[in-house]
Protein backbone atom coordinates (compact mmCIF):
# COMPACT_ATOMS: atom_id res chain seq x y z
CA MET A 1 51.99 -43.16 -50.15
CA ARG A 2 53.39 -42.96 -46.31
CA PHE A 3 55.64 -45.45 -44.65
CA ILE A 4 55.67 -45.65 -40.80
CA PHE A 5 58.80 -47.09 -39.31
CA LYS A 6 58.68 -48.45 -35.82
CA THR A 7 62.00 -47.74 -33.91
CA HIS A 8 60.36 -48.31 -30.31
CA TYR A 9 57.53 -50.06 -28.70
CA ASP A 10 55.85 -46.61 -27.36
CA GLN A 11 54.88 -46.17 -31.16
CA ASP A 12 52.69 -48.67 -30.65
CA LEU A 13 50.60 -47.02 -27.78
CA VAL A 14 50.65 -43.15 -29.30
CA LEU A 15 46.98 -42.18 -30.14
CA PHE A 16 48.45 -40.30 -33.67
CA LYS A 17 50.61 -42.85 -35.65
CA HIS A 18 52.04 -39.86 -38.14
CA ALA A 19 52.30 -36.28 -38.40
CA GLY A 20 49.69 -36.08 -40.81
CA ALA A 21 46.96 -37.46 -38.25
CA ARG A 22 48.04 -35.05 -35.81
CA TRP A 23 47.63 -32.05 -38.34
CA SER A 24 44.26 -33.28 -39.64
CA TYR A 25 42.61 -33.92 -36.09
CA GLY A 26 44.07 -30.18 -35.18
CA ALA A 27 42.46 -28.95 -37.80
CA LEU A 28 39.08 -30.80 -36.62
CA ALA A 29 39.89 -29.44 -33.29
CA VAL A 30 39.99 -25.83 -34.64
CA ILE A 31 36.93 -26.16 -36.58
CA LEU A 32 34.86 -27.77 -33.72
CA LEU A 33 35.90 -24.84 -31.44
CA LEU A 34 35.07 -22.31 -33.73
CA ALA A 35 31.93 -23.64 -34.94
CA PRO A 36 29.59 -20.95 -32.76
CA TRP A 37 31.12 -18.35 -35.07
CA LEU A 38 30.81 -20.24 -38.12
CA LEU A 39 27.41 -21.71 -38.01
CA SER A 40 23.65 -20.97 -37.18
CA GLU A 41 22.31 -21.31 -33.76
CA TYR A 42 20.12 -24.35 -35.43
CA LEU A 43 23.22 -25.97 -36.99
CA LEU A 44 25.02 -25.41 -34.10
CA SER A 45 22.32 -27.25 -32.30
CA GLN A 46 22.34 -29.98 -34.27
CA LEU A 47 25.85 -30.39 -33.92
CA ALA A 48 25.49 -30.72 -30.07
CA PHE A 49 22.84 -33.84 -31.10
CA ILE A 50 25.81 -35.10 -32.88
CA CYS A 51 28.11 -34.97 -29.97
CA ILE A 52 25.12 -36.67 -27.41
CA TYR A 53 24.39 -39.35 -29.95
CA GLY A 54 28.10 -39.79 -30.75
CA ILE A 55 28.80 -40.70 -27.13
CA ILE A 56 25.91 -43.45 -27.56
CA GLY A 57 27.34 -44.65 -30.26
CA LEU A 58 30.92 -45.18 -28.56
CA GLY A 59 29.12 -47.24 -26.09
CA LEU A 60 27.17 -49.00 -28.49
CA MET A 61 30.32 -49.60 -30.50
CA LEU A 62 32.27 -50.97 -27.61
CA LEU A 63 29.42 -53.45 -27.08
CA SER A 64 28.29 -54.55 -30.72
CA GLY A 65 31.31 -53.45 -32.60
CA TYR A 66 34.30 -54.44 -30.66
CA THR A 67 32.81 -57.33 -28.46
CA GLY A 68 30.41 -58.65 -30.58
CA GLN A 69 27.27 -58.51 -28.41
CA VAL A 70 23.79 -57.43 -30.16
CA SER A 71 21.68 -54.95 -28.16
CA LEU A 72 18.04 -53.96 -28.76
CA GLY A 73 17.52 -52.24 -25.46
CA HIS A 74 19.90 -49.38 -25.50
CA ALA A 75 17.37 -46.87 -25.40
CA ALA A 76 16.31 -48.40 -21.76
CA PHE A 77 20.36 -46.85 -20.51
CA LEU A 78 19.65 -43.65 -22.10
CA ALA A 79 16.64 -43.34 -20.56
CA VAL A 80 17.89 -44.53 -16.70
CA GLY A 81 20.28 -41.83 -17.16
CA ALA A 82 18.17 -39.30 -18.58
CA TYR A 83 15.65 -39.80 -15.80
CA THR A 84 18.16 -40.11 -12.99
CA HIS A 85 20.20 -37.20 -13.94
CA ALA A 86 16.76 -35.13 -14.31
CA LEU A 87 16.04 -36.10 -10.72
CA LEU A 88 18.83 -35.44 -9.04
CA VAL A 89 19.14 -32.09 -10.67
CA GLY A 90 16.05 -31.15 -9.59
CA ALA A 91 16.41 -31.99 -6.26
CA GLY A 92 19.52 -29.63 -6.24
CA TRP A 93 22.35 -32.13 -6.66
CA PRO A 94 25.39 -30.42 -8.47
CA PHE A 95 25.84 -31.18 -11.99
CA VAL A 96 29.05 -33.07 -12.35
CA LEU A 97 27.80 -35.36 -9.34
CA SER A 98 24.52 -35.81 -10.75
CA LEU A 99 26.17 -36.66 -14.13
CA ALA A 100 28.42 -39.32 -12.47
CA VAL A 101 25.60 -41.01 -10.67
CA ALA A 102 23.25 -41.24 -13.60
CA GLY A 103 26.18 -42.88 -15.68
CA THR A 104 26.90 -45.49 -12.70
CA LEU A 105 23.22 -46.39 -12.13
CA SER A 106 22.94 -46.93 -16.24
CA ALA A 107 26.21 -48.94 -15.69
CA ALA A 108 24.50 -50.94 -12.63
CA ALA A 109 21.78 -51.57 -15.05
CA GLY A 110 24.14 -52.83 -17.83
CA VAL A 111 25.59 -55.17 -15.22
CA ILE A 112 21.87 -56.65 -14.45
CA VAL A 113 21.09 -57.10 -18.10
CA GLY A 114 24.46 -58.30 -18.67
CA LEU A 115 24.65 -60.97 -16.01
CA PRO A 116 21.57 -63.03 -17.18
CA ALA A 117 22.56 -62.52 -21.00
CA LEU A 118 25.67 -64.52 -20.86
CA ARG A 119 24.05 -67.59 -21.20
CA VAL A 120 22.29 -66.30 -24.79
CA LYS A 121 24.09 -64.68 -27.58
CA GLY A 122 22.69 -63.95 -31.19
CA ILE A 123 18.99 -63.36 -31.62
CA TYR A 124 18.27 -64.33 -28.01
CA LEU A 125 20.58 -62.04 -26.67
CA ALA A 126 18.78 -59.56 -29.11
CA ILE A 127 15.78 -60.60 -27.72
CA ALA A 128 16.75 -60.30 -23.77
CA THR A 129 17.91 -56.69 -24.34
CA MET A 130 14.77 -55.80 -26.08
CA ALA A 131 12.85 -57.24 -23.43
CA PHE A 132 14.77 -55.12 -20.92
CA GLY A 133 13.87 -52.01 -22.94
CA PHE A 134 10.30 -52.89 -22.53
CA ILE A 135 10.09 -53.27 -18.84
CA VAL A 136 12.12 -49.56 -18.32
CA GLU A 137 9.84 -48.04 -20.92
CA GLU A 138 6.80 -49.73 -18.49
CA ILE A 139 8.02 -47.97 -15.81
CA LEU A 140 8.58 -45.14 -16.69
CA ALA A 141 4.97 -44.63 -18.01
CA ARG A 142 3.58 -46.46 -14.60
CA TRP A 143 5.79 -44.70 -11.75
CA GLU A 144 4.00 -41.28 -12.07
CA SER A 145 5.37 -40.05 -8.68
CA VAL A 146 8.82 -40.19 -9.81
CA THR A 147 9.01 -39.69 -13.75
CA GLY A 148 5.81 -37.89 -14.39
CA GLY A 149 4.58 -40.58 -16.36
CA ASN A 150 3.21 -39.81 -19.96
CA SER A 151 2.59 -36.27 -18.94
CA GLY A 152 6.34 -35.87 -18.84
CA LYS A 153 9.21 -34.03 -16.54
CA GLN A 154 10.66 -30.69 -17.17
CA VAL A 155 14.54 -30.54 -17.33
CA GLY A 156 16.02 -27.15 -17.06
CA PRO A 157 19.39 -26.01 -18.35
CA PRO A 158 22.92 -27.52 -16.66
CA GLU A 159 24.33 -25.48 -13.98
CA PHE A 160 28.07 -25.17 -12.76
CA PHE A 161 28.52 -23.24 -9.67
CA GLY A 162 25.38 -21.27 -9.82
CA VAL A 163 25.89 -20.38 -13.33
CA LYS A 164 23.13 -21.74 -15.55
CA LEU A 165 24.34 -22.68 -19.45
CA THR A 166 21.38 -21.10 -21.24
CA SER A 167 22.99 -20.10 -24.74
CA THR A 168 23.34 -22.71 -27.42
CA ALA A 169 27.29 -22.15 -27.50
CA GLU A 170 27.54 -23.03 -24.00
CA PHE A 171 25.71 -26.28 -23.95
CA TYR A 172 27.43 -27.19 -27.15
CA TYR A 173 30.83 -26.65 -25.72
CA LEU A 174 29.72 -29.17 -22.77
CA CYS A 175 28.53 -31.28 -24.94
CA LEU A 176 31.99 -31.35 -27.32
CA VAL A 177 34.12 -31.52 -23.86
CA ILE A 178 32.54 -34.64 -22.73
CA ALA A 179 32.07 -36.50 -26.43
CA VAL A 180 36.04 -35.55 -26.49
CA LEU A 181 36.80 -36.94 -23.49
CA ALA A 182 34.38 -40.37 -23.94
CA THR A 183 36.55 -40.82 -27.29
CA LEU A 184 39.78 -40.47 -25.54
CA GLY A 185 38.55 -42.75 -22.63
CA VAL A 186 37.29 -45.65 -25.72
CA LEU A 187 40.22 -45.17 -27.63
CA ASN A 188 42.52 -46.06 -24.18
CA LEU A 189 40.48 -48.76 -23.33
CA LEU A 190 40.47 -50.37 -26.91
CA ARG A 191 44.34 -50.54 -26.35
CA SER A 192 44.18 -51.82 -23.08
CA PRO A 193 44.08 -55.93 -22.10
CA ILE A 194 40.29 -55.27 -21.74
CA GLY A 195 40.11 -53.85 -25.09
CA ARG A 196 42.22 -56.41 -26.72
CA ALA A 197 40.20 -59.08 -24.60
CA TRP A 198 36.94 -57.95 -26.35
CA VAL A 199 38.24 -58.12 -30.09
CA ALA A 200 39.19 -61.70 -29.11
CA ILE A 201 35.71 -62.67 -27.76
CA ARG A 202 33.94 -61.01 -30.92
CA ASP A 203 36.48 -63.13 -33.34
CA SER A 204 36.13 -66.20 -31.51
CA GLU A 205 34.79 -66.96 -28.29
CA VAL A 206 36.12 -70.47 -28.01
CA SER A 207 39.51 -69.06 -29.06
CA ALA A 208 39.59 -66.27 -26.38
CA GLN A 209 38.36 -68.82 -23.76
CA SER A 210 40.89 -71.05 -24.64
CA MET A 211 43.67 -68.54 -23.78
CA GLY A 212 42.21 -68.04 -20.48
CA ILE A 213 39.80 -65.13 -21.11
CA SER A 214 36.66 -65.24 -18.83
CA LEU A 215 33.89 -64.77 -21.08
CA ALA A 216 31.55 -63.53 -18.32
CA ARG A 217 34.07 -61.18 -16.93
CA TYR A 218 34.65 -59.36 -19.90
CA LYS A 219 31.05 -59.44 -21.52
CA THR A 220 29.97 -57.66 -18.03
CA ILE A 221 32.33 -55.16 -18.19
CA ALA A 222 31.31 -54.41 -22.02
CA PHE A 223 27.79 -54.12 -21.03
CA ALA A 224 28.77 -51.84 -18.03
CA VAL A 225 30.63 -49.50 -19.89
CA SER A 226 28.52 -49.21 -22.66
CA ALA A 227 25.52 -48.54 -20.56
CA PHE A 228 27.71 -46.00 -18.52
CA LEU A 229 28.16 -44.03 -21.75
CA ALA A 230 24.44 -44.05 -22.51
CA GLY A 231 23.48 -42.77 -19.23
CA ILE A 232 25.88 -40.14 -19.68
CA ALA A 233 24.67 -39.09 -22.90
CA GLY A 234 21.42 -39.50 -21.26
CA ALA A 235 21.80 -36.36 -18.91
CA LEU A 236 22.83 -34.64 -21.85
CA TYR A 237 19.98 -35.74 -23.87
CA ALA A 238 17.55 -34.71 -21.00
CA HIS A 239 18.97 -31.16 -20.85
CA LYS A 240 18.75 -30.84 -24.72
CA LEU A 241 15.22 -31.82 -24.73
CA ARG A 242 14.25 -30.04 -21.78
CA PHE A 243 11.13 -32.39 -21.53
CA LEU A 244 11.43 -36.25 -20.81
CA THR A 245 8.43 -38.58 -21.54
CA PRO A 246 8.52 -42.55 -21.98
CA GLU A 247 7.85 -42.32 -25.98
CA GLN A 248 11.14 -40.76 -26.36
CA PHE A 249 12.81 -44.07 -25.61
CA THR A 250 10.97 -46.81 -27.08
CA ILE A 251 12.19 -49.93 -29.06
CA ILE A 252 12.24 -47.53 -32.13
CA GLN A 253 15.01 -45.70 -30.84
CA SER A 254 16.96 -48.84 -29.91
CA ILE A 255 16.76 -49.83 -33.43
CA GLU A 256 17.98 -46.57 -34.79
CA LEU A 257 20.96 -46.45 -32.55
CA LEU A 258 22.05 -49.83 -33.49
CA LEU A 259 21.43 -49.00 -37.23
CA MET A 260 23.23 -45.97 -36.39
CA ILE A 261 26.83 -47.58 -35.76
CA VAL A 262 26.13 -50.15 -38.64
CA ILE A 263 25.75 -47.15 -41.19
CA GLY A 264 28.27 -45.28 -39.44
CA GLY A 265 31.41 -48.32 -39.59
CA LEU A 266 30.81 -51.24 -37.18
CA GLY A 267 34.23 -51.83 -35.55
CA SER A 268 35.61 -48.34 -35.77
CA VAL A 269 35.39 -45.33 -33.65
CA HIS A 270 34.98 -42.72 -36.56
CA GLY A 271 31.88 -44.99 -37.21
CA ALA A 272 30.17 -43.77 -34.28
CA PHE A 273 30.25 -40.26 -34.92
CA PHE A 274 29.81 -40.66 -38.86
CA GLY A 275 26.61 -42.77 -37.97
CA ALA A 276 25.59 -40.01 -35.38
CA ALA A 277 25.92 -37.56 -38.01
CA PHE A 278 23.96 -39.28 -40.73
CA LEU A 279 21.04 -40.13 -38.14
CA ILE A 280 20.94 -36.32 -37.27
CA SER A 281 20.99 -35.09 -40.94
CA LEU A 282 18.54 -37.60 -42.69
CA PRO A 283 15.45 -36.40 -41.26
CA GLN A 284 16.59 -32.65 -42.23
CA ALA A 285 17.42 -34.09 -45.92
CA ILE A 286 14.38 -35.66 -46.02
CA VAL A 287 12.47 -32.46 -45.40
CA TRP A 288 14.36 -30.87 -47.98
CA LEU A 289 13.34 -33.98 -50.33
CA ARG A 290 9.88 -33.70 -49.87
CA ASP A 291 9.62 -30.26 -51.85
CA TYR A 292 10.98 -32.37 -54.98
CA LEU A 293 8.54 -35.24 -54.31
CA PRO A 294 4.92 -35.99 -55.89
CA ASP A 295 2.30 -35.13 -53.20
CA SER A 296 1.30 -38.96 -52.57
CA VAL A 297 4.94 -39.66 -51.50
CA ALA A 298 5.74 -36.83 -49.61
CA ASN A 299 3.18 -36.78 -47.51
CA ALA A 300 3.33 -40.51 -46.87
CA THR A 301 3.29 -41.36 -43.14
CA GLY A 302 6.34 -44.28 -43.66
CA LEU A 303 8.53 -42.22 -45.91
CA GLN A 304 11.76 -41.52 -43.11
CA PRO A 305 11.73 -45.14 -42.09
CA MET A 306 11.61 -46.14 -45.91
CA ILE A 307 14.39 -44.28 -46.78
CA PHE A 308 16.13 -45.28 -43.77
CA GLY A 309 15.62 -48.96 -44.36
CA LEU A 310 16.81 -48.54 -48.26
CA ILE A 311 20.18 -46.60 -46.98
CA LEU A 312 20.86 -49.87 -44.80
CA ILE A 313 20.15 -52.19 -47.46
CA VAL A 314 22.60 -50.47 -49.95
CA PHE A 315 25.17 -50.39 -47.15
CA ILE A 316 25.12 -53.89 -46.68
CA LEU A 317 25.21 -55.04 -49.93
CA PHE A 318 27.68 -52.76 -51.13
CA GLU A 319 29.62 -51.23 -48.42
CA PRO A 320 29.44 -53.51 -45.17
CA PHE A 321 31.91 -51.09 -43.20
CA GLY A 322 29.78 -48.33 -43.45
CA ILE A 323 30.42 -44.71 -43.92
CA TYR A 324 33.84 -45.05 -42.21
CA GLY A 325 34.53 -48.04 -44.70
CA ARG A 326 34.02 -45.83 -47.92
CA TRP A 327 36.12 -43.13 -46.62
CA PHE A 328 38.90 -45.38 -45.54
CA LYS A 329 38.78 -46.60 -49.11
CA ILE A 330 38.90 -42.89 -50.86
CA ARG A 331 41.75 -41.90 -48.45
CA THR A 332 43.56 -45.17 -49.08
CA TYR A 333 43.47 -44.39 -53.23
CA PHE A 334 44.82 -40.82 -52.69
CA GLN A 335 47.51 -42.57 -50.47
CA LEU A 336 48.37 -45.07 -53.26
CA PHE A 337 47.78 -42.90 -56.19
CA PRO A 338 48.95 -43.88 -58.95
CA PHE A 339 49.64 -47.40 -57.54
CA TYR A 340 45.89 -47.88 -56.20
CA ARG A 341 44.78 -51.63 -57.38
CA ARG A 342 41.41 -51.93 -58.12
CA GLY A 343 40.69 -55.37 -56.12
CA LEU A 344 42.37 -54.27 -53.16
CA PHE A 345 39.33 -54.56 -50.80
CA ARG A 346 37.80 -57.62 -52.96
CA ARG A 347 38.34 -59.76 -49.72
CA GLN A 348 36.01 -58.03 -47.71
CA ARG A 349 33.09 -59.27 -49.22
CA ALA A 350 34.09 -62.24 -47.53
CA PHE A 351 33.90 -60.39 -44.27
CA GLN A 352 35.82 -62.13 -42.22
CA LYS A 353 35.58 -61.17 -38.41
CA SER A 354 39.51 -60.78 -37.84
CA GLU A 355 39.89 -58.51 -40.97
CA ARG A 356 38.04 -55.58 -39.74
CA LEU A 357 39.23 -51.87 -40.52
CA LYS A 358 42.00 -50.49 -38.61
């Protein structure tokens, strides 16, 4: 069992609350840095995908997990960032400048969506963001002179000062660095007055407004930051796939992204990466599972969505805080052993918004 005695207000601002956290995250950093020597090229490629989806998950987590706003059009922000970056890089722009513009343009799209969505919430907000996703998908398919339409658009490898990052390890390190910077930025943002305002809006809009928090301002900021991170991830996504088509940014992907943070753990930064790992590893697990299933089941076209849906139902019924919630309980069990009480998390089933995991 660990007791933390705070003797100064600066202790509330540190990223790592105790030495154990520093050691565990340090070990994780060493493993991630050594991954190109520990993993095969295929697994390293999947780890790069997890970093990319983790960046998307961070943005969506800010919007849905910390501000309480639902988005079913996040694939559109991903598409804006991917196509903008592909066009600018193809025109000879430097990678860093093109990446910044892609994120900024996606953030502008987030503001455009966020402003009209201020008057609606819940299912109506989900419908509004879904409509935006359909509009972007249609623009990508129709504007053939710029996007290539349904024929697609080629994207080359990222390039820094004339050096192309062609190997899997080089691109993995690029994704890892950007994912770490995005995570640190999100953690610091959540500790700022903006982050505290988001949590207040999520818990109760009426209470937040009574304390002087501008709902319009902070909801718009949430949409902008979330879309910015999606645009950054879209730029990396374009380089990873090397080929962009409108079919890659449909409503199905938006739903998968939303389910990703729900299964990972809504309301936690860790949940964004847990959900990303789940989303990337699930298709591989299904491929492995097909060898042990009857042919009539293994060859069914809807096998993956069915399994994904069943897993989602199980998490909603038995673990509403997702994978991170389960990990939090396991960690707490070993920290409190042998004094762990069986009903310690019983109140979790009431699912009050203000009692999210820390």
